[in-house]
Amino acid sequence: MGISIYLEYKGKILILENNLLTAYNSNGNEEYKLDIEISNPIFKSSGNYLCIGEKNGKKIYVISDKNILWQKDLEGNISDIAINSNGYIAVATTGTIYKTIVQTFDNKGEEQFNTYVSSTYVIDMSISPDNKYFAIAETNFSGIIIQSNIKIISIEKAKNGDKDSIIYNHTNTEGDLIINIKYQTKDELTCVYDNHIEV
C-alpha cells in the first residue's frame, strides 16, 4: 500500500502509510510514530489539534502534539469532518436512514449532540472558536434550482435538548451554491459561494 496521506502539521511533515503515522521535523529526522488504522484518510487541523477520519469508513482519531487524545468507531460512513482550535469536532456520516447525521464531540471525545439532515446535503461545517456555536451549510439539489442554506446552532442549547437550539437560519438566493464556511472569530462566519462571499 502506498502513501495514504502526506500533510504539514505544526511545522512537521506527517506520512500515513500501512496504518502508521510518522512525523518528521524540518531536517527530515523522524520525531514520533502513531498507530492509525486508516487507509483512505480525510483530515482537518486547527491550532494544536489534528483530526483524521476514514473516508466512507467508521474510524476517527483526534491527535494533539505527539499523542492520540481519543478515537472512536462511528455508525454510518464518514463523509466530512471539521475541527476548531480547541479540539471540538463535527463528523458528518451517511449510509443511515437520514441523508446525513452530524455528530459533535468535545476535545475529550464526549458526544455533545447530533444533527439529523434528511432532505439536503451537508456541504461544510464549522465550530466557533469559543465552542458556543456550530454552523452547518446545506444544499438541496432535488429541484430544478439549487437551494443552499446555513444554520447556526447553539451547542449548549442542543446539548440540553432545547428545541430552539437553531439560533439562526439563513436561506440563500436560489441558484447560489455554498462551497464552504469558516468561523473567523467567535461572532463572524465567512461563507464562500460559487459567485460571492458573505460574512
N, C-alpha and C. Protein backbone atom coordinates (compact mmCIF):
# COMPACT_ATOMS: atom_id res chain seq x y z
N MET A 1 0.85 -1.18 0.00
CA MET A 1 0.00 0.00 0.00
C MET A 1 0.89 1.23 0.00
N GLY A 2 0.66 2.19 -0.88
CA GLY A 2 1.47 3.39 -0.98
C GLY A 2 1.14 4.39 0.11
N ILE A 3 1.68 5.58 -0.03
CA ILE A 3 1.43 6.64 0.93
C ILE A 3 -0.04 7.02 0.89
N SER A 4 -0.66 7.02 2.05
CA SER A 4 -2.07 7.37 2.14
C SER A 4 -2.26 8.86 2.36
N ILE A 5 -1.39 9.46 3.14
CA ILE A 5 -1.56 10.86 3.49
C ILE A 5 -0.20 11.50 3.68
N TYR A 6 -0.11 12.75 3.26
CA TYR A 6 1.14 13.49 3.35
C TYR A 6 0.74 14.93 3.64
N LEU A 7 0.97 15.39 4.88
CA LEU A 7 0.49 16.71 5.25
C LEU A 7 1.43 17.39 6.22
N GLU A 8 1.23 18.71 6.34
CA GLU A 8 2.01 19.51 7.29
C GLU A 8 1.15 19.76 8.52
N TYR A 9 1.74 19.56 9.70
CA TYR A 9 1.04 19.78 10.95
C TYR A 9 2.04 20.27 11.99
N LYS A 10 1.84 21.50 12.46
CA LYS A 10 2.69 22.11 13.47
C LYS A 10 4.18 22.11 13.08
N GLY A 11 4.43 22.45 11.81
CA GLY A 11 5.80 22.54 11.32
C GLY A 11 6.46 21.21 11.02
N LYS A 12 5.68 20.14 11.05
CA LYS A 12 6.21 18.81 10.76
C LYS A 12 5.48 18.21 9.55
N ILE A 13 6.15 17.30 8.89
CA ILE A 13 5.55 16.57 7.80
C ILE A 13 5.10 15.22 8.34
N LEU A 14 3.83 14.89 8.11
CA LEU A 14 3.28 13.61 8.57
C LEU A 14 3.00 12.72 7.37
N ILE A 15 3.38 11.47 7.49
CA ILE A 15 3.12 10.49 6.44
C ILE A 15 2.38 9.31 7.07
N LEU A 16 1.21 8.99 6.52
CA LEU A 16 0.44 7.84 6.97
C LEU A 16 0.55 6.75 5.92
N GLU A 17 1.14 5.65 6.31
CA GLU A 17 1.37 4.54 5.40
C GLU A 17 1.28 3.24 6.17
N ASN A 18 0.50 2.30 5.64
CA ASN A 18 0.35 0.99 6.27
C ASN A 18 -0.05 1.11 7.74
N ASN A 19 -1.04 1.98 8.01
CA ASN A 19 -1.60 2.18 9.35
C ASN A 19 -0.60 2.74 10.36
N LEU A 20 0.44 3.40 9.88
CA LEU A 20 1.43 4.01 10.78
C LEU A 20 1.64 5.47 10.37
N LEU A 21 1.40 6.37 11.32
CA LEU A 21 1.59 7.80 11.09
C LEU A 21 2.97 8.19 11.62
N THR A 22 3.84 8.67 10.73
CA THR A 22 5.19 9.03 11.11
C THR A 22 5.39 10.53 10.91
N ALA A 23 5.94 11.19 11.93
CA ALA A 23 6.19 12.64 11.88
C ALA A 23 7.66 12.92 11.69
N TYR A 24 7.98 13.84 10.77
CA TYR A 24 9.36 14.24 10.50
C TYR A 24 9.49 15.74 10.73
N ASN A 25 10.63 16.15 11.31
CA ASN A 25 10.86 17.58 11.51
C ASN A 25 11.41 18.22 10.24
N SER A 26 11.72 19.51 10.31
CA SER A 26 12.15 20.25 9.11
C SER A 26 13.49 19.77 8.57
N ASN A 27 14.24 19.04 9.37
CA ASN A 27 15.51 18.48 8.92
C ASN A 27 15.37 17.08 8.34
N GLY A 28 14.14 16.58 8.34
CA GLY A 28 13.90 15.24 7.80
C GLY A 28 14.13 14.14 8.81
N ASN A 29 14.31 14.50 10.08
CA ASN A 29 14.51 13.49 11.12
C ASN A 29 13.17 13.04 11.69
N GLU A 30 13.07 11.73 11.91
CA GLU A 30 11.84 11.17 12.47
C GLU A 30 11.68 11.61 13.93
N GLU A 31 10.47 12.06 14.28
CA GLU A 31 10.20 12.53 15.65
C GLU A 31 9.33 11.57 16.44
N TYR A 32 8.30 11.03 15.80
CA TYR A 32 7.45 10.08 16.51
C TYR A 32 6.61 9.29 15.53
N LYS A 33 6.01 8.20 16.05
CA LYS A 33 5.11 7.36 15.26
C LYS A 33 3.86 7.07 16.07
N LEU A 34 2.72 6.96 15.36
CA LEU A 34 1.46 6.61 15.99
C LEU A 34 0.75 5.57 15.15
N ASP A 35 0.12 4.60 15.80
CA ASP A 35 -0.68 3.60 15.10
C ASP A 35 -2.04 4.20 14.75
N ILE A 36 -2.31 4.35 13.47
CA ILE A 36 -3.56 4.92 12.97
C ILE A 36 -4.13 3.94 11.95
N GLU A 37 -5.23 3.27 12.29
CA GLU A 37 -5.80 2.24 11.42
C GLU A 37 -6.74 2.87 10.39
N ILE A 38 -6.14 3.59 9.46
CA ILE A 38 -6.91 4.27 8.41
C ILE A 38 -6.17 4.12 7.09
N SER A 39 -6.90 3.77 6.04
CA SER A 39 -6.27 3.58 4.73
C SER A 39 -6.72 4.62 3.70
N ASN A 40 -7.88 5.24 3.92
CA ASN A 40 -8.40 6.24 2.98
C ASN A 40 -8.76 7.49 3.78
N PRO A 41 -7.76 8.30 4.16
CA PRO A 41 -7.99 9.36 5.15
C PRO A 41 -8.55 10.66 4.60
N ILE A 42 -9.33 11.32 5.46
CA ILE A 42 -9.63 12.74 5.31
C ILE A 42 -9.15 13.38 6.60
N PHE A 43 -8.75 14.64 6.53
CA PHE A 43 -8.17 15.25 7.72
C PHE A 43 -8.43 16.74 7.75
N LYS A 44 -8.47 17.27 8.98
CA LYS A 44 -8.56 18.70 9.22
C LYS A 44 -7.70 18.99 10.45
N SER A 45 -7.08 20.17 10.47
CA SER A 45 -6.30 20.57 11.64
C SER A 45 -6.62 22.01 12.00
N SER A 46 -6.45 22.33 13.28
CA SER A 46 -6.63 23.69 13.77
C SER A 46 -5.89 23.81 15.09
N GLY A 47 -5.06 24.84 15.21
CA GLY A 47 -4.28 25.01 16.43
C GLY A 47 -3.41 23.79 16.69
N ASN A 48 -3.51 23.24 17.90
CA ASN A 48 -2.71 22.07 18.28
C ASN A 48 -3.38 20.75 17.94
N TYR A 49 -4.51 20.78 17.26
CA TYR A 49 -5.30 19.57 17.06
C TYR A 49 -5.35 19.14 15.60
N LEU A 50 -5.33 17.83 15.42
CA LEU A 50 -5.45 17.22 14.10
C LEU A 50 -6.49 16.12 14.19
N CYS A 51 -7.43 16.12 13.27
CA CYS A 51 -8.46 15.08 13.21
C CYS A 51 -8.29 14.30 11.91
N ILE A 52 -8.23 12.98 12.02
CA ILE A 52 -8.12 12.11 10.85
C ILE A 52 -9.27 11.12 10.89
N GLY A 53 -10.01 11.04 9.79
CA GLY A 53 -11.11 10.10 9.69
C GLY A 53 -10.95 9.20 8.48
N GLU A 54 -11.62 8.06 8.52
CA GLU A 54 -11.62 7.11 7.40
C GLU A 54 -12.73 7.51 6.43
N LYS A 55 -12.37 8.04 5.27
CA LYS A 55 -13.36 8.44 4.27
C LYS A 55 -14.22 7.23 3.89
N ASN A 56 -15.54 7.38 4.01
CA ASN A 56 -16.51 6.32 3.76
C ASN A 56 -16.32 5.12 4.70
N GLY A 57 -15.65 5.36 5.83
CA GLY A 57 -15.47 4.33 6.84
C GLY A 57 -15.99 4.81 8.18
N LYS A 58 -15.53 4.20 9.27
CA LYS A 58 -16.11 4.45 10.58
C LYS A 58 -15.12 5.01 11.60
N LYS A 59 -13.83 4.91 11.36
CA LYS A 59 -12.85 5.28 12.38
C LYS A 59 -12.50 6.77 12.33
N ILE A 60 -12.31 7.33 13.54
CA ILE A 60 -11.87 8.72 13.65
C ILE A 60 -10.88 8.83 14.79
N TYR A 61 -9.85 9.67 14.57
CA TYR A 61 -8.80 9.90 15.56
C TYR A 61 -8.63 11.40 15.75
N VAL A 62 -8.39 11.80 16.99
CA VAL A 62 -8.03 13.19 17.29
C VAL A 62 -6.66 13.18 17.96
N ILE A 63 -5.74 13.95 17.37
CA ILE A 63 -4.34 13.96 17.80
C ILE A 63 -3.97 15.36 18.26
N SER A 64 -3.18 15.44 19.31
CA SER A 64 -2.59 16.71 19.74
C SER A 64 -1.13 16.48 20.06
N ASP A 65 -0.27 17.30 19.45
CA ASP A 65 1.18 17.12 19.59
C ASP A 65 1.56 15.70 19.18
N LYS A 66 2.05 14.89 20.09
CA LYS A 66 2.53 13.54 19.73
C LYS A 66 1.60 12.44 20.21
N ASN A 67 0.39 12.81 20.62
CA ASN A 67 -0.49 11.84 21.27
C ASN A 67 -1.85 11.71 20.59
N ILE A 68 -2.38 10.50 20.62
CA ILE A 68 -3.77 10.28 20.23
C ILE A 68 -4.61 10.59 21.46
N LEU A 69 -5.42 11.66 21.38
CA LEU A 69 -6.24 12.03 22.52
C LEU A 69 -7.42 11.09 22.68
N TRP A 70 -8.07 10.77 21.55
CA TRP A 70 -9.17 9.80 21.58
C TRP A 70 -9.44 9.30 20.18
N GLN A 71 -10.13 8.17 20.14
CA GLN A 71 -10.53 7.59 18.86
C GLN A 71 -11.86 6.89 19.05
N LYS A 72 -12.61 6.79 17.98
CA LYS A 72 -13.93 6.15 18.04
C LYS A 72 -14.22 5.45 16.72
N ASP A 73 -15.10 4.45 16.79
CA ASP A 73 -15.73 3.87 15.62
C ASP A 73 -17.16 4.38 15.60
N LEU A 74 -17.56 5.03 14.52
CA LEU A 74 -18.87 5.64 14.42
C LEU A 74 -19.81 4.79 13.58
N GLU A 75 -21.10 4.97 13.77
CA GLU A 75 -22.08 4.34 12.89
C GLU A 75 -22.16 5.15 11.61
N GLY A 76 -22.52 4.50 10.53
CA GLY A 76 -22.57 5.20 9.25
C GLY A 76 -21.19 5.32 8.64
N ASN A 77 -21.10 6.03 7.53
CA ASN A 77 -19.86 6.20 6.80
C ASN A 77 -19.44 7.66 6.82
N ILE A 78 -18.22 7.94 7.25
CA ILE A 78 -17.74 9.31 7.41
C ILE A 78 -17.60 9.98 6.04
N SER A 79 -18.23 11.15 5.88
CA SER A 79 -18.13 11.89 4.62
C SER A 79 -17.36 13.19 4.78
N ASP A 80 -17.35 13.78 6.00
CA ASP A 80 -16.64 15.04 6.20
C ASP A 80 -16.38 15.22 7.69
N ILE A 81 -15.38 16.06 8.00
CA ILE A 81 -15.05 16.38 9.39
C ILE A 81 -14.72 17.87 9.49
N ALA A 82 -14.87 18.41 10.70
CA ALA A 82 -14.49 19.79 10.99
C ALA A 82 -13.90 19.81 12.39
N ILE A 83 -12.96 20.72 12.64
CA ILE A 83 -12.34 20.83 13.96
C ILE A 83 -12.02 22.30 14.24
N ASN A 84 -12.15 22.72 15.51
CA ASN A 84 -11.76 24.09 15.84
C ASN A 84 -10.47 24.07 16.65
N SER A 85 -9.99 25.23 17.02
CA SER A 85 -8.67 25.35 17.66
C SER A 85 -8.65 24.81 19.09
N ASN A 86 -9.83 24.47 19.62
CA ASN A 86 -9.90 23.87 20.96
C ASN A 86 -10.09 22.36 20.92
N GLY A 87 -10.10 21.80 19.71
CA GLY A 87 -10.22 20.36 19.58
C GLY A 87 -11.64 19.84 19.56
N TYR A 88 -12.64 20.73 19.47
CA TYR A 88 -14.02 20.29 19.28
C TYR A 88 -14.19 19.89 17.82
N ILE A 89 -14.87 18.78 17.58
CA ILE A 89 -15.01 18.31 16.20
C ILE A 89 -16.47 18.02 15.85
N ALA A 90 -16.72 18.05 14.55
CA ALA A 90 -18.00 17.63 13.99
C ALA A 90 -17.70 16.60 12.90
N VAL A 91 -18.50 15.55 12.86
CA VAL A 91 -18.31 14.49 11.88
C VAL A 91 -19.64 14.24 11.17
N ALA A 92 -19.62 14.34 9.86
CA ALA A 92 -20.81 14.04 9.06
C ALA A 92 -20.71 12.60 8.57
N THR A 93 -21.78 11.82 8.79
CA THR A 93 -21.81 10.43 8.33
C THR A 93 -23.04 10.20 7.47
N THR A 94 -22.91 9.29 6.53
CA THR A 94 -24.01 8.92 5.64
C THR A 94 -24.23 7.41 5.75
N GLY A 95 -25.23 6.92 5.01
CA GLY A 95 -25.47 5.48 4.98
C GLY A 95 -26.45 5.01 6.04
N THR A 96 -27.22 5.95 6.61
CA THR A 96 -28.27 5.58 7.56
C THR A 96 -29.61 5.97 6.95
N ILE A 97 -30.66 5.98 7.75
CA ILE A 97 -31.98 6.35 7.21
C ILE A 97 -32.04 7.83 6.85
N TYR A 98 -31.10 8.62 7.37
CA TYR A 98 -31.01 10.04 7.02
C TYR A 98 -29.96 10.22 5.94
N LYS A 99 -30.10 11.30 5.15
CA LYS A 99 -29.04 11.59 4.18
C LYS A 99 -27.72 11.75 4.91
N THR A 100 -27.76 12.52 6.02
CA THR A 100 -26.55 12.75 6.80
C THR A 100 -26.90 12.90 8.27
N ILE A 101 -26.03 12.35 9.13
CA ILE A 101 -26.08 12.63 10.56
C ILE A 101 -24.78 13.34 10.91
N VAL A 102 -24.88 14.48 11.61
CA VAL A 102 -23.70 15.20 12.05
C VAL A 102 -23.57 15.03 13.56
N GLN A 103 -22.45 14.45 13.99
CA GLN A 103 -22.18 14.27 15.41
C GLN A 103 -21.12 15.28 15.84
N THR A 104 -21.30 15.88 17.00
CA THR A 104 -20.30 16.80 17.53
C THR A 104 -19.73 16.25 18.83
N PHE A 105 -18.42 16.47 19.02
CA PHE A 105 -17.71 15.96 20.19
C PHE A 105 -16.84 17.07 20.77
N ASP A 106 -16.65 17.05 22.10
CA ASP A 106 -15.71 17.99 22.70
C ASP A 106 -14.30 17.45 22.59
N ASN A 107 -13.31 18.15 23.17
CA ASN A 107 -11.92 17.75 22.99
C ASN A 107 -11.52 16.53 23.81
N LYS A 108 -12.46 15.97 24.58
CA LYS A 108 -12.22 14.73 25.31
C LYS A 108 -12.91 13.54 24.66
N GLY A 109 -13.61 13.82 23.56
CA GLY A 109 -14.32 12.76 22.86
C GLY A 109 -15.72 12.52 23.36
N GLU A 110 -16.21 13.42 24.24
CA GLU A 110 -17.58 13.28 24.74
C GLU A 110 -18.56 13.85 23.71
N GLU A 111 -19.56 13.05 23.37
CA GLU A 111 -20.54 13.50 22.38
C GLU A 111 -21.36 14.65 22.94
N GLN A 112 -21.53 15.70 22.13
CA GLN A 112 -22.30 16.87 22.53
C GLN A 112 -23.76 16.76 22.08
N PHE A 113 -23.97 16.56 20.79
CA PHE A 113 -25.32 16.40 20.26
C PHE A 113 -25.22 15.91 18.81
N ASN A 114 -26.36 15.47 18.28
CA ASN A 114 -26.45 15.05 16.89
C ASN A 114 -27.40 15.96 16.13
N THR A 115 -27.11 16.17 14.86
CA THR A 115 -27.99 16.90 13.95
C THR A 115 -28.37 15.96 12.82
N TYR A 116 -29.66 15.83 12.55
CA TYR A 116 -30.14 14.91 11.52
C TYR A 116 -30.57 15.69 10.29
N VAL A 117 -30.02 15.32 9.15
CA VAL A 117 -30.31 16.00 7.89
C VAL A 117 -30.97 14.99 6.97
N SER A 118 -32.24 15.22 6.63
CA SER A 118 -32.99 14.22 5.88
C SER A 118 -33.25 14.58 4.43
N SER A 119 -33.26 15.88 4.10
CA SER A 119 -33.67 16.26 2.74
C SER A 119 -32.63 17.09 1.99
N THR A 120 -31.53 17.45 2.64
CA THR A 120 -30.47 18.23 1.99
C THR A 120 -29.14 17.51 2.15
N TYR A 121 -28.12 18.05 1.49
CA TYR A 121 -26.77 17.51 1.60
C TYR A 121 -25.90 18.47 2.38
N VAL A 122 -25.11 17.94 3.31
CA VAL A 122 -24.19 18.77 4.08
C VAL A 122 -22.99 19.09 3.20
N ILE A 123 -22.74 20.39 3.01
CA ILE A 123 -21.63 20.84 2.18
C ILE A 123 -20.40 21.14 3.03
N ASP A 124 -20.60 21.79 4.18
CA ASP A 124 -19.48 22.13 5.05
C ASP A 124 -19.98 22.40 6.46
N MET A 125 -19.04 22.41 7.43
CA MET A 125 -19.37 22.63 8.83
C MET A 125 -18.27 23.47 9.46
N SER A 126 -18.61 24.20 10.53
CA SER A 126 -17.60 24.96 11.26
C SER A 126 -18.06 25.16 12.70
N ILE A 127 -17.11 25.09 13.65
CA ILE A 127 -17.38 25.29 15.07
C ILE A 127 -16.69 26.57 15.49
N SER A 128 -17.40 27.43 16.21
CA SER A 128 -16.83 28.72 16.61
C SER A 128 -15.65 28.53 17.56
N PRO A 129 -14.71 29.48 17.57
CA PRO A 129 -13.51 29.36 18.42
C PRO A 129 -13.80 29.29 19.92
N ASP A 130 -14.97 29.77 20.34
CA ASP A 130 -15.32 29.71 21.77
C ASP A 130 -16.18 28.49 22.11
N ASN A 131 -16.35 27.57 21.16
CA ASN A 131 -17.10 26.32 21.35
C ASN A 131 -18.59 26.54 21.61
N LYS A 132 -19.11 27.71 21.29
CA LYS A 132 -20.52 28.00 21.61
C LYS A 132 -21.46 27.72 20.45
N TYR A 133 -20.95 27.82 19.22
CA TYR A 133 -21.83 27.73 18.07
C TYR A 133 -21.30 26.73 17.04
N PHE A 134 -22.25 26.08 16.40
CA PHE A 134 -21.94 25.14 15.33
C PHE A 134 -22.72 25.55 14.09
N ALA A 135 -22.00 25.79 13.00
CA ALA A 135 -22.64 26.20 11.74
C ALA A 135 -22.58 25.06 10.74
N ILE A 136 -23.66 24.91 10.02
CA ILE A 136 -23.73 23.86 9.01
C ILE A 136 -24.30 24.45 7.72
N ALA A 137 -23.63 24.18 6.61
CA ALA A 137 -24.09 24.63 5.29
C ALA A 137 -24.69 23.45 4.56
N GLU A 138 -25.92 23.63 4.08
CA GLU A 138 -26.64 22.55 3.41
C GLU A 138 -27.10 23.02 2.03
N THR A 139 -27.27 22.06 1.14
CA THR A 139 -27.79 22.38 -0.19
C THR A 139 -28.81 21.32 -0.61
N ASN A 140 -29.88 21.79 -1.21
CA ASN A 140 -30.90 20.91 -1.74
C ASN A 140 -30.75 20.87 -3.26
N PHE A 141 -30.45 19.68 -3.78
CA PHE A 141 -30.26 19.50 -5.22
C PHE A 141 -31.48 18.86 -5.88
N SER A 142 -32.56 18.67 -5.13
CA SER A 142 -33.68 17.89 -5.65
C SER A 142 -34.54 18.64 -6.66
N GLY A 143 -34.54 19.98 -6.60
CA GLY A 143 -35.37 20.76 -7.51
C GLY A 143 -34.63 21.17 -8.77
N ILE A 144 -35.27 21.99 -9.55
CA ILE A 144 -34.67 22.49 -10.78
C ILE A 144 -33.56 23.49 -10.45
N ILE A 145 -33.78 24.28 -9.40
CA ILE A 145 -32.81 25.30 -8.99
C ILE A 145 -32.18 24.90 -7.66
N ILE A 146 -30.87 25.04 -7.56
CA ILE A 146 -30.15 24.75 -6.33
C ILE A 146 -30.56 25.71 -5.22
N GLN A 147 -30.78 25.16 -4.02
CA GLN A 147 -31.13 25.99 -2.88
C GLN A 147 -30.19 25.67 -1.71
N SER A 148 -29.39 26.65 -1.30
CA SER A 148 -28.46 26.47 -0.18
C SER A 148 -28.96 27.24 1.04
N ASN A 149 -28.63 26.73 2.21
CA ASN A 149 -28.97 27.46 3.43
C ASN A 149 -27.93 27.18 4.51
N ILE A 150 -27.89 28.07 5.49
CA ILE A 150 -26.94 27.96 6.59
C ILE A 150 -27.71 27.99 7.90
N LYS A 151 -27.38 27.05 8.77
CA LYS A 151 -27.97 27.02 10.11
C LYS A 151 -26.86 27.23 11.13
N ILE A 152 -27.14 28.01 12.16
CA ILE A 152 -26.22 28.15 13.28
C ILE A 152 -26.94 27.63 14.52
N ILE A 153 -26.29 26.69 15.20
CA ILE A 153 -26.87 26.00 16.34
C ILE A 153 -26.11 26.38 17.61
N SER A 154 -26.85 26.65 18.67
CA SER A 154 -26.24 26.85 19.98
C SER A 154 -25.86 25.49 20.54
N ILE A 155 -24.58 25.26 20.74
CA ILE A 155 -24.12 23.96 21.24
C ILE A 155 -24.70 23.68 22.62
N GLU A 156 -24.73 24.68 23.49
CA GLU A 156 -25.26 24.49 24.84
C GLU A 156 -26.73 24.12 24.81
N LYS A 157 -27.52 24.83 24.00
CA LYS A 157 -28.94 24.51 23.90
C LYS A 157 -29.17 23.12 23.31
N ALA A 158 -28.40 22.78 22.29
CA ALA A 158 -28.56 21.46 21.66
C ALA A 158 -28.19 20.34 22.63
N LYS A 159 -27.13 20.55 23.43
CA LYS A 159 -26.73 19.56 24.43
C LYS A 159 -27.85 19.31 25.43
N ASN A 160 -28.60 20.36 25.77
CA ASN A 160 -29.67 20.25 26.76
C ASN A 160 -31.01 19.86 26.15
N GLY A 161 -31.01 19.56 24.85
CA GLY A 161 -32.23 19.11 24.20
C GLY A 161 -33.24 20.21 23.94
N ASP A 162 -32.80 21.45 23.94
CA ASP A 162 -33.68 22.59 23.69
C ASP A 162 -34.14 22.58 22.23
N LYS A 163 -35.44 22.64 22.02
CA LYS A 163 -35.99 22.62 20.66
C LYS A 163 -35.66 23.89 19.89
N ASP A 164 -35.30 24.94 20.60
CA ASP A 164 -34.94 26.20 19.95
C ASP A 164 -33.42 26.37 19.84
N SER A 165 -32.72 25.27 19.63
CA SER A 165 -31.25 25.33 19.57
C SER A 165 -30.74 25.98 18.29
N ILE A 166 -31.55 25.99 17.22
CA ILE A 166 -31.16 26.69 15.98
C ILE A 166 -31.42 28.18 16.21
N ILE A 167 -30.34 28.95 16.31
CA ILE A 167 -30.48 30.37 16.64
C ILE A 167 -30.43 31.26 15.40
N TYR A 168 -30.05 30.69 14.26
CA TYR A 168 -30.01 31.47 13.02
C TYR A 168 -30.19 30.51 11.86
N ASN A 169 -31.07 30.88 10.95
CA ASN A 169 -31.34 30.04 9.77
C ASN A 169 -31.45 30.95 8.56
N HIS A 170 -30.48 30.85 7.66
CA HIS A 170 -30.42 31.76 6.51
C HIS A 170 -30.60 30.97 5.22
N THR A 171 -31.65 31.29 4.49
CA THR A 171 -31.87 30.68 3.17
C THR A 171 -31.32 31.62 2.11
N ASN A 172 -30.46 31.08 1.28
CA ASN A 172 -29.78 31.90 0.28
C ASN A 172 -30.62 32.09 -0.98
N THR A 173 -30.21 33.02 -1.80
CA THR A 173 -30.86 33.25 -3.09
C THR A 173 -30.80 31.98 -3.93
N GLU A 174 -31.89 31.63 -4.57
CA GLU A 174 -31.92 30.43 -5.41
C GLU A 174 -30.80 30.47 -6.44
N GLY A 175 -30.14 29.35 -6.60
CA GLY A 175 -29.06 29.25 -7.58
C GLY A 175 -27.68 29.51 -7.01
N ASP A 176 -27.60 30.16 -5.83
CA ASP A 176 -26.29 30.39 -5.19
C ASP A 176 -25.83 29.12 -4.50
N LEU A 177 -24.71 28.58 -4.92
CA LEU A 177 -24.19 27.32 -4.38
C LEU A 177 -23.15 27.61 -3.30
N ILE A 178 -23.42 27.17 -2.08
CA ILE A 178 -22.46 27.32 -0.99
C ILE A 178 -21.31 26.33 -1.20
N ILE A 179 -20.08 26.81 -1.01
CA ILE A 179 -18.90 25.96 -1.21
C ILE A 179 -18.25 25.61 0.11
N ASN A 180 -18.01 26.62 0.96
CA ASN A 180 -17.52 26.32 2.31
C ASN A 180 -17.82 27.45 3.27
N ILE A 181 -17.70 27.13 4.57
CA ILE A 181 -17.93 28.10 5.64
C ILE A 181 -16.81 27.95 6.67
N LYS A 182 -16.51 29.06 7.36
CA LYS A 182 -15.48 29.01 8.40
C LYS A 182 -15.65 30.17 9.36
N TYR A 183 -15.64 29.86 10.65
CA TYR A 183 -15.64 30.92 11.65
C TYR A 183 -14.28 31.60 11.65
N GLN A 184 -14.27 32.92 11.45
CA GLN A 184 -13.04 33.70 11.53
C GLN A 184 -12.83 34.20 12.97
N THR A 185 -13.91 34.58 13.63
CA THR A 185 -13.91 34.94 15.04
C THR A 185 -15.10 34.23 15.67
N LYS A 186 -15.30 34.44 16.98
CA LYS A 186 -16.43 33.78 17.64
C LYS A 186 -17.77 34.28 17.13
N ASP A 187 -17.79 35.46 16.50
CA ASP A 187 -19.05 36.05 16.04
C ASP A 187 -19.18 36.18 14.53
N GLU A 188 -18.14 35.84 13.78
CA GLU A 188 -18.17 36.04 12.33
C GLU A 188 -17.94 34.72 11.59
N LEU A 189 -18.90 34.38 10.77
CA LEU A 189 -18.84 33.18 9.94
C LEU A 189 -18.69 33.62 8.49
N THR A 190 -17.58 33.26 7.86
CA THR A 190 -17.37 33.57 6.45
C THR A 190 -17.97 32.45 5.60
N CYS A 191 -18.80 32.84 4.63
CA CYS A 191 -19.48 31.90 3.77
C CYS A 191 -19.08 32.13 2.32
N VAL A 192 -18.48 31.14 1.71
CA VAL A 192 -18.00 31.25 0.33
C VAL A 192 -18.98 30.53 -0.60
N TYR A 193 -19.47 31.28 -1.58
CA TYR A 193 -20.38 30.74 -2.59
C TYR A 193 -19.64 30.66 -3.92
N ASP A 194 -20.31 30.08 -4.91
CA ASP A 194 -19.68 29.97 -6.22
C ASP A 194 -19.57 31.33 -6.90
N ASN A 195 -20.31 32.34 -6.41
CA ASN A 195 -20.27 33.64 -7.09
C ASN A 195 -20.07 34.83 -6.16
N HIS A 196 -19.96 34.61 -4.86
CA HIS A 196 -19.70 35.72 -3.93
C HIS A 196 -19.33 35.19 -2.54
N ILE A 197 -18.96 36.11 -1.66
CA ILE A 197 -18.60 35.77 -0.28
C ILE A 197 -19.47 36.62 0.65
N GLU A 198 -19.98 36.00 1.71
CA GLU A 198 -20.76 36.71 2.71
C GLU A 198 -20.14 36.48 4.08
N VAL A 199 -20.33 37.43 5.00
CA VAL A 199 -19.93 37.27 6.39
C VAL A 199 -21.16 37.45 7.26
